[in-house]
C-alpha atoms as a PDB file:
ATOM      1  CA  MET A   1       6.131  -7.373 -23.307  1.00  0.00           C
ATOM      2  CA  LYS A   2       9.607  -8.549 -22.347  1.00  0.00           C
ATOM      3  CA  SER A   3      10.481  -5.224 -20.728  1.00  0.00           C
ATOM      4  CA  PHE A   4       7.190  -5.283 -18.823  1.00  0.00           C
ATOM      5  CA  LEU A   5       7.899  -8.760 -17.473  1.00  0.00           C
ATOM      6  CA  ILE A   6      11.296  -7.582 -16.269  1.00  0.00           C
ATOM      7  CA  ARG A   7       9.702  -4.601 -14.506  1.00  0.00           C
ATOM      8  CA  TYR A   8       6.978  -6.837 -13.052  1.00  0.00           C
ATOM      9  CA  LYS A   9       9.487  -9.344 -11.665  1.00  0.00           C
ATOM     10  CA  SER A  10      11.590  -6.541 -10.217  1.00  0.00           C
ATOM     11  CA  PHE A  11       8.540  -5.033  -8.552  1.00  0.00           C
ATOM     12  CA  LEU A  12       7.527  -8.372  -7.050  1.00  0.00           C
ATOM     13  CA  LEU A  13      11.075  -8.844  -5.765  1.00  0.00           C
ATOM     14  CA  PHE A  14      10.809  -5.448  -4.150  1.00  0.00           C
ATOM     15  CA  CYS A  15       7.521  -6.464  -2.487  1.00  0.00           C
ATOM     16  CA  LEU A  16       9.078  -9.651  -1.146  1.00  0.00           C
ATOM     17  CA  VAL A  17      12.011  -7.756   0.356  1.00  0.00           C
ATOM     18  CA  VAL A  18       9.773  -5.174   2.018  1.00  0.00           C
ATOM     19  CA  LEU A  19       7.295  -7.693   3.358  1.00  0.00           C
ATOM     20  CA  SER A  20       9.975 -10.093   4.589  1.00  0.00           C
ATOM     21  CA  ILE A  21      11.141  -7.269   6.856  1.00  0.00           C
ATOM     22  CA  SER A  22       7.582  -6.739   8.042  1.00  0.00           C
ATOM     23  CA  VAL A  23       6.719 -10.384   8.655  1.00  0.00           C
ATOM     24  CA  ALA A  24      10.000 -11.100  10.437  1.00  0.00           C
ATOM     25  CA  ALA A  25       9.294  -8.375  12.971  1.00  0.00           C
ATOM     26  CA  MET A  26       5.514  -8.571  13.234  1.00  0.00           C
ATOM     27  CA  GLU A  27       3.946 -10.213  16.261  1.00  0.00           C
ATOM     28  CA  THR A  28       0.285 -11.114  15.756  1.00  0.00           C
ATOM     29  CA  ARG A  29      -2.092 -13.721  17.031  1.00  0.00           C
ATOM     30  CA  HIS A  30      -2.888 -14.690  13.478  1.00  0.00           C
ATOM     31  CA  ARG A  31      -0.240 -16.340  11.306  1.00  0.00           C
ATOM     32  CA  VAL A  32       0.692 -13.951   8.507  1.00  0.00           C
ATOM     33  CA  ASP A  33       0.118 -15.215   4.973  1.00  0.00           C
ATOM     34  CA  LEU A  34       2.908 -13.466   3.066  1.00  0.00           C
ATOM     35  CA  GLY A  35       1.412 -14.087  -0.363  1.00  0.00           C
ATOM     36  CA  GLU A  36      -1.984 -12.784   0.733  1.00  0.00           C
ATOM     37  CA  PHE A  37      -0.437  -9.705   2.309  1.00  0.00           C
ATOM     38  CA  ILE A  38       1.459  -8.907  -0.895  1.00  0.00           C
ATOM     39  CA  LYS A  39      -1.759  -9.103  -2.916  1.00  0.00           C
ATOM     40  CA  GLU A  40      -3.640  -6.927  -0.478  1.00  0.00           C
ATOM     41  CA  ILE A  41      -1.286  -3.976  -0.150  1.00  0.00           C
ATOM     42  CA  THR A  42       0.251  -4.005  -3.640  1.00  0.00           C
ATOM     43  CA  ILE A  43      -1.539  -2.868  -6.784  1.00  0.00           C
ATOM     44  CA  ILE A  44       0.000  -2.813 -10.263  1.00  0.00           C
ATOM     45  CA  ASN A  45      -1.782  -0.794 -12.931  1.00  0.00           C
ATOM     46  CA  VAL A  46      -0.531  -1.552 -16.446  1.00  0.00           C
ATOM     47  CA  SER A  47      -1.605  -0.001 -19.743  1.00  0.00           C
ATOM     48  CA  PRO A  48       0.108   0.155 -23.150  1.00  0.00           C
ATOM     49  CA  GLY A  49       3.548   1.702 -22.778  1.00  0.00           C
ATOM     50  CA  GLN A  50       3.297   2.449 -19.077  1.00  0.00           C
ATOM     51  CA  SER A  51       3.228   0.903 -15.633  1.00  0.00           C
ATOM     52  CA  GLN A  52       1.964   2.551 -12.436  1.00  0.00           C
ATOM     53  CA  SER A  53       2.237   0.721  -9.130  1.00  0.00           C
ATOM     54  CA  ALA A  54       1.394   1.533  -5.530  1.00  0.00           C
ATOM     55  CA  ILE A  55       1.866  -0.046  -2.118  1.00  0.00           C
ATOM     56  CA  TRP A  56      -0.077   1.126   0.902  1.00  0.00           C
ATOM     57  CA  LEU A  57       2.061   0.851   4.034  1.00  0.00           C
ATOM     58  CA  PRO A  58      -0.533   0.514   6.820  1.00  0.00           C
ATOM     59  CA  PHE A  59       0.386   1.224  10.415  1.00  0.00           C
ATOM     60  CA  GLU A  60       0.921  -2.476  11.136  1.00  0.00           C
ATOM     61  CA  PHE A  61       3.570  -2.620   8.449  1.00  0.00           C
ATOM     62  CA  ASN A  62       5.332   0.498   9.693  1.00  0.00           C
ATOM     63  CA  ALA A  63       5.303  -0.896  13.213  1.00  0.00           C
ATOM     64  CA  ALA A  64       7.032  -4.043  11.999  1.00  0.00           C
ATOM     65  CA  VAL A  65       9.731  -2.178  10.080  1.00  0.00           C
ATOM     66  CA  SER A  66      10.345   0.197  12.977  1.00  0.00           C
ATOM     67  CA  ALA A  67      10.647  -2.700  15.401  1.00  0.00           C
ATOM     68  CA  ASP A  68      13.195  -4.278  13.093  1.00  0.00           C
ATOM     69  CA  SER A  69      15.251  -1.063  13.185  1.00  0.00           C
ATOM     70  CA  ASN A  70      15.028  -0.875  17.006  1.00  0.00           C
ATOM     71  CA  GLN A  71      12.774   2.172  16.989  1.00  0.00           C
ATOM     72  CA  THR A  72      10.455   1.704  19.940  1.00  0.00           C
ATOM     73  CA  ASP A  73       7.866   4.487  19.803  1.00  0.00           C
ATOM     74  CA  ILE A  74       6.167   4.751  16.443  1.00  0.00           C
ATOM     75  CA  SER A  75       2.745   5.837  17.706  1.00  0.00           C
ATOM     76  CA  PHE A  76       3.106   9.118  15.814  1.00  0.00           C
ATOM     77  CA  LEU A  77       2.702   7.173  12.551  1.00  0.00           C
ATOM     78  CA  ARG A  78      -0.955   6.537  13.357  1.00  0.00           C
ATOM     79  CA  SER A  79      -1.576  10.121  12.279  1.00  0.00           C
ATOM     80  CA  TYR A  80      -0.502   9.444   8.690  1.00  0.00           C
ATOM     81  CA  LEU A  81      -1.271   7.292   5.657  1.00  0.00           C
ATOM     82  CA  ILE A  82       1.834   6.311   3.703  1.00  0.00           C
ATOM     83  CA  PHE A  83       2.187   4.943   0.184  1.00  0.00           C
ATOM     84  CA  MET A  84       5.063   3.942  -2.072  1.00  0.00           C
ATOM     85  CA  VAL A  85       4.455   4.710  -5.746  1.00  0.00           C
ATOM     86  CA  ASN A  86       6.325   3.870  -8.938  1.00  0.00           C
ATOM     87  CA  CYS A  87       5.371   5.221 -12.382  1.00  0.00           C
ATOM     88  CA  SER A  88       7.217   4.553 -15.626  1.00  0.00           C
ATOM     89  CA  ILE A  89       6.719   4.858 -19.358  1.00  0.00           C
ATOM     90  CA  GLU A  90       8.533   3.085 -22.156  1.00  0.00           C
ATOM     91  CA  SER A  91      10.057   5.352 -24.802  1.00  0.00           C
ATOM     92  CA  ASN A  92      12.368   4.190 -27.576  1.00  0.00           C
ATOM     93  CA  GLY A  93      13.145   1.018 -25.680  1.00  0.00           C
ATOM     94  CA  LYS A  94      14.035   2.874 -22.475  1.00  0.00           C
ATOM     95  CA  GLN A  95      12.183   3.207 -19.184  1.00  0.00           C
ATOM     96  CA  ILE A  96      11.511   6.741 -18.023  1.00  0.00           C
ATOM     97  CA  TYR A  97      10.433   7.074 -14.396  1.00  0.00           C
ATOM     98  CA  ALA A  98       8.286   9.797 -12.858  1.00  0.00           C
ATOM     99  CA  THR A  99       9.913  11.933 -10.184  1.00  0.00           C
ATOM    100  CA  GLN A 100       8.690  12.477  -6.639  1.00  0.00           C
ATOM    101  CA  ALA A 101       7.421  15.948  -7.549  1.00  0.00           C
ATOM    102  CA  GLU A 102       5.541  14.659 -10.608  1.00  0.00           C
ATOM    103  CA  ILE A 103       3.789  11.913  -8.639  1.00  0.00           C
ATOM    104  CA  GLN A 104       3.078  14.234  -5.722  1.00  0.00           C
ATOM    105  CA  LYS A 105       1.314  16.702  -8.008  1.00  0.00           C
ATOM    106  CA  ARG A 106      -0.917  14.015  -9.530  1.00  0.00           C
ATOM    107  CA  ALA A 107      -1.927  12.280  -6.288  1.00  0.00           C
ATOM    108  CA  THR A 108      -5.213  12.530  -4.383  1.00  0.00           C
ATOM    109  CA  LEU A 109      -6.503  10.250  -1.621  1.00  0.00           C
ATOM    110  CA  LYS A 110     -10.235   9.503  -1.446  1.00  0.00           C
ATOM    111  CA  SER A 111     -12.282   7.922   1.348  1.00  0.00           C
ATOM    112  CA  THR A 112     -15.619   6.113   1.154  1.00  0.00           C
ATOM    113  CA  SER A 113     -17.318   9.339   2.293  1.00  0.00           C
ATOM    114  CA  PHE A 114     -15.719  11.057  -0.736  1.00  0.00           C
ATOM    115  CA  SER A 115     -13.366  13.152   1.383  1.00  0.00           C
ATOM    116  CA  ARG A 116     -10.250  14.038  -0.577  1.00  0.00           C
ATOM    117  CA  LEU A 117      -6.742  14.889   0.546  1.00  0.00           C
ATOM    118  CA  LYS A 118      -3.573  15.952  -1.198  1.00  0.00           C
ATOM    119  CA  PRO A 119      -0.232  14.574  -0.005  1.00  0.00           C
ATOM    120  CA  LEU A 120       1.721  16.612   2.521  1.00  0.00           C
ATOM    121  CA  ASP A 121       4.224  19.012   1.000  1.00  0.00           C
ATOM    122  CA  SER A 122       6.288  18.933   4.171  1.00  0.00           C
ATOM    123  CA  VAL A 123       6.733  15.637   6.032  1.00  0.00           C
ATOM    124  CA  PRO A 124       7.419  15.838   9.801  1.00  0.00           C
ATOM    125  CA  PRO A 125      11.028  14.913  10.722  1.00  0.00           C
ATOM    126  CA  GLN A 126       9.986  11.847  12.730  1.00  0.00           C
ATOM    127  CA  VAL A 127       7.991  10.487   9.801  1.00  0.00           C
ATOM    128  CA  GLN A 128      10.740  11.270   7.311  1.00  0.00           C
ATOM    129  CA  LYS A 129      13.232   9.363   9.439  1.00  0.00           C
ATOM    130  CA  ASN A 130      10.997   6.306   9.300  1.00  0.00           C
ATOM    131  CA  LEU A 131      10.556   6.610   5.536  1.00  0.00           C
ATOM    132  CA  ASP A 132      14.307   6.926   5.059  1.00  0.00           C
ATOM    133  CA  SER A 133      14.841   3.673   6.964  1.00  0.00           C
ATOM    134  CA  ILE A 134      12.318   1.859   4.757  1.00  0.00           C
ATOM    135  CA  LYS A 135      13.855   3.192   1.543  1.00  0.00           C
ATOM    136  CA  SER A 136      17.300   2.227   2.771  1.00  0.00           C
ATOM    137  CA  ALA A 137      16.126  -1.307   3.497  1.00  0.00           C
ATOM    138  CA  ILE A 138      14.741  -1.818  -0.008  1.00  0.00           C
ATOM    139  CA  SER A 139      17.184   0.278  -2.041  1.00  0.00           C
ATOM    140  CA  ALA A 140      18.886  -2.777  -3.549  1.00  0.00           C
ATOM    141  CA  SER A 141      15.663  -4.018  -5.162  1.00  0.00           C
ATOM    142  CA  ALA A 142      13.755  -0.780  -5.793  1.00  0.00           C
ATOM    143  CA  GLY A 143      16.526   1.702  -6.458  1.00  0.00           C
ATOM    144  CA  THR A 144      15.469   5.344  -6.326  1.00  0.00           C
ATOM    145  CA  ASN A 145      12.296   4.962  -8.380  1.00  0.00           C
ATOM    146  CA  MET A 146       9.902   4.176  -5.538  1.00  0.00           C
ATOM    147  CA  HIS A 147       8.573   7.437  -4.108  1.00  0.00           C
ATOM    148  CA  MET A 148       6.819   8.038  -0.803  1.00  0.00           C
ATOM    149  CA  LEU A 149       3.494   9.839  -0.480  1.00  0.00           C
ATOM    150  CA  VAL A 150       2.352  10.892   2.986  1.00  0.00           C
ATOM    151  CA  PHE A 151      -1.212  11.978   3.797  1.00  0.00           C
ATOM    152  CA  ASP A 152      -2.932  13.009   6.992  1.00  0.00           C
ATOM    153  CA  PHE A 153      -4.893  10.159   8.545  1.00  0.00           C
ATOM    154  CA  LYS A 154      -7.946  12.404   9.046  1.00  0.00           C
ATOM    155  CA  ASP A 155      -9.846  14.569   6.582  1.00  0.00           C
ATOM    156  CA  ILE A 156     -10.537  18.278   7.080  1.00  0.00           C
ATOM    157  CA  THR A 157     -13.534  17.464   9.333  1.00  0.00           C
ATOM    158  CA  GLY A 158     -11.418  15.316  11.627  1.00  0.00           C
ATOM    159  CA  LYS A 159     -12.872  12.013  10.428  1.00  0.00           C
ATOM    160  CA  PRO A 160     -10.440   9.126   9.721  1.00  0.00           C
ATOM    161  CA  MET A 161      -9.946   8.494   6.004  1.00  0.00           C
ATOM    162  CA  VAL A 162     -10.168   4.746   6.596  1.00  0.00           C
ATOM    163  CA  ASP A 163     -10.832   2.248   9.378  1.00  0.00           C
ATOM    164  CA  ALA A 164      -8.541  -0.684   8.585  1.00  0.00           C
ATOM    165  CA  ALA A 165     -10.109  -2.806  11.320  1.00  0.00           C
ATOM    166  CA  THR A 166     -13.508  -2.845   9.578  1.00  0.00           C
ATOM    167  CA  ARG A 167     -14.885  -3.293   6.078  1.00  0.00           C
ATOM    168  CA  ASP A 168     -13.781  -0.086   4.481  1.00  0.00           C
ATOM    169  CA  LYS A 169     -12.127   1.217   1.321  1.00  0.00           C
ATOM    170  CA  LEU A 170      -9.353   3.659   0.452  1.00  0.00           C
ATOM    171  CA  THR A 171      -8.562   4.980  -3.030  1.00  0.00           C
ATOM    172  CA  LEU A 172      -5.370   6.607  -4.282  1.00  0.00           C
ATOM    173  CA  ILE A 173      -5.898   8.538  -7.510  1.00  0.00           C
ATOM    174  CA  LEU A 174      -3.161   9.650  -9.897  1.00  0.00           C
ATOM    175  CA  GLU A 175      -4.539  12.207 -12.316  1.00  0.00           C
ATOM    176  CA  PRO A 176      -3.414  12.116 -15.961  1.00  0.00           C
ATOM    177  CA  ALA A 177      -0.303  14.154 -16.735  1.00  0.00           C
ATOM    178  CA  GLY A 178       1.925  14.207 -19.779  1.00  0.00           C
ATOM    179  CA  ALA A 179       2.323  10.674 -21.131  1.00  0.00           C
ATOM    180  CA  PHE A 180       0.740   9.142 -18.024  1.00  0.00           C
ATOM    181  CA  SER A 181      -2.938   8.246 -18.026  1.00  0.00           C
ATOM    182  CA  LYS A 182      -5.169   8.361 -14.969  1.00  0.00           C
ATOM    183  CA  ALA A 183      -4.668   5.539 -12.485  1.00  0.00           C
ATOM    184  CA  GLU A 184      -6.751   4.481  -9.487  1.00  0.00           C
ATOM    185  CA  PHE A 185      -5.561   2.143  -6.751  1.00  0.00           C
ATOM    186  CA  VAL A 186      -8.279   0.757  -4.477  1.00  0.00           C
ATOM    187  CA  TRP A 187      -7.641  -1.079  -1.209  1.00  0.00           C
ATOM    188  CA  HIS A 188     -10.322  -2.909   0.763  1.00  0.00           C
ATOM    189  CA  THR A 189     -10.008  -3.559   4.478  1.00  0.00           C
ATOM    190  CA  PRO A 190      -9.611  -5.320   6.832  1.00  0.00           C
ATOM    191  CA  PHE A 191      -6.461  -7.130   5.720  1.00  0.00           C
ATOM    192  CA  ASP A 192      -7.234 -10.835   5.449  1.00  0.00           C
ATOM    193  CA  ALA A 193      -3.569 -11.739   5.928  1.00  0.00           C
ATOM    194  CA  VAL A 194      -3.468 -10.330   9.448  1.00  0.00           C
ATOM    195  CA  THR A 195      -7.103 -10.769  10.493  1.00  0.00           C
ATOM    196  CA  ALA A 196      -8.385 -14.052  11.859  1.00  0.00           C
ATOM    197  CA  ALA A 197     -11.984 -14.218  10.610  1.00  0.00           C
ATOM    198  CA  GLY A 198     -12.643 -17.709  11.930  1.00  0.00           C
ATOM    199  CA  ILE A 199     -15.142 -20.061  10.333  1.00  0.00           C
ATOM    200  CA  CYS A 200     -18.616 -19.781   8.882  1.00  0.00           C
ATOM    201  CA  PRO A 201     -21.136 -20.402  11.693  1.00  0.00           C
ATOM    202  CA  LYS A 202     -23.352 -22.334   9.289  1.00  0.00           C
ATOM    203  CA  CYS A 203     -21.046 -24.671   7.343  1.00  0.00           C
ATOM    204  CA  GLY A 204     -17.823 -24.501   9.374  1.00  0.00           C
ATOM    205  CA  GLU A 205     -15.580 -23.561   6.428  1.00  0.00           C
ATOM    206  CA  LYS A 206     -12.791 -21.009   6.848  1.00  0.00           C
ATOM    207  CA  ILE A 207     -13.774 -17.492   5.851  1.00  0.00           C
ATOM    208  CA  LYS A 208     -12.032 -14.180   5.173  1.00  0.00           C
ATOM    209  CA  ALA A 209     -12.627 -10.899   6.944  1.00  0.00           C
ATOM    210  CA  LYS A 210     -13.644  -9.039   3.770  1.00  0.00           C
ATOM    211  CA  TRP A 211     -16.354 -11.514   2.812  1.00  0.00           C
ATOM    212  CA  HIS A 212     -19.985 -10.510   3.257  1.00  0.00           C
ATOM    213  CA  TYR A 213     -21.257 -13.976   2.353  1.00  0.00           C
ATOM    214  CA  CYS A 214     -19.764 -17.418   2.761  1.00  0.00           C
ATOM    215  CA  PRO A 215     -18.823 -18.630  -0.757  1.00  0.00           C
ATOM    216  CA  TRP A 216     -19.323 -22.248   0.301  1.00  0.00           C
ATOM    217  CA  CYS A 217     -22.905 -22.112   1.613  1.00  0.00           C
ATOM    218  CA  GLY A 218     -24.133 -18.561   0.908  1.00  0.00           C
ATOM    219  CA  ASN A 219     -24.605 -17.676   4.573  1.00  0.00           C
ATOM    220  CA  LYS A 220     -24.550 -13.919   5.301  1.00  0.00           C
ATOM    221  CA  LEU A 221     -21.539 -13.116   7.493  1.00  0.00           C
END
């Protein structure tokens, strides 16, 4: 338990470093709730003897990081879905981390229409440059154990894997391998932290973009 708490605190520190870069550079009409954003893009899957964590880096996040590094044109990133993944097991009191190749082999991305994609084996140079800048920015807190997975934004039929501006869902699956059990990371959109949903038209209470019903009065949204 103690070793898990240390890993958990380190992972949260990593999230804070990454998101502080994003929030500092991001310009939105809606005030960003840092804590909410962390909860929305970060998922930690823990089971006995192992920890598997994933962060989805949506386009808005990549735009913020790129702006912070003075990179002006990042439109090419809209064509990709990017995740940072960390997997570790505890053996004889030591933490053993999965490699990039091991995680890459296990990973599959699934859309709500059940389309599935494997991560790209070869990442375009422009994208790799952006990923390198992100990893450099968080190296002090995450070390070399956070690995990047890059997927095409569209499935084989040309349909987007997710529409982050609407109520949608995206699932990253890590198949079981060796000592690691299967892990699923599910993200629901839109992101409440960067989406101003307004107030319930019936009771006037603040609401969130993901909600289908107002929890205060039951009104359908």
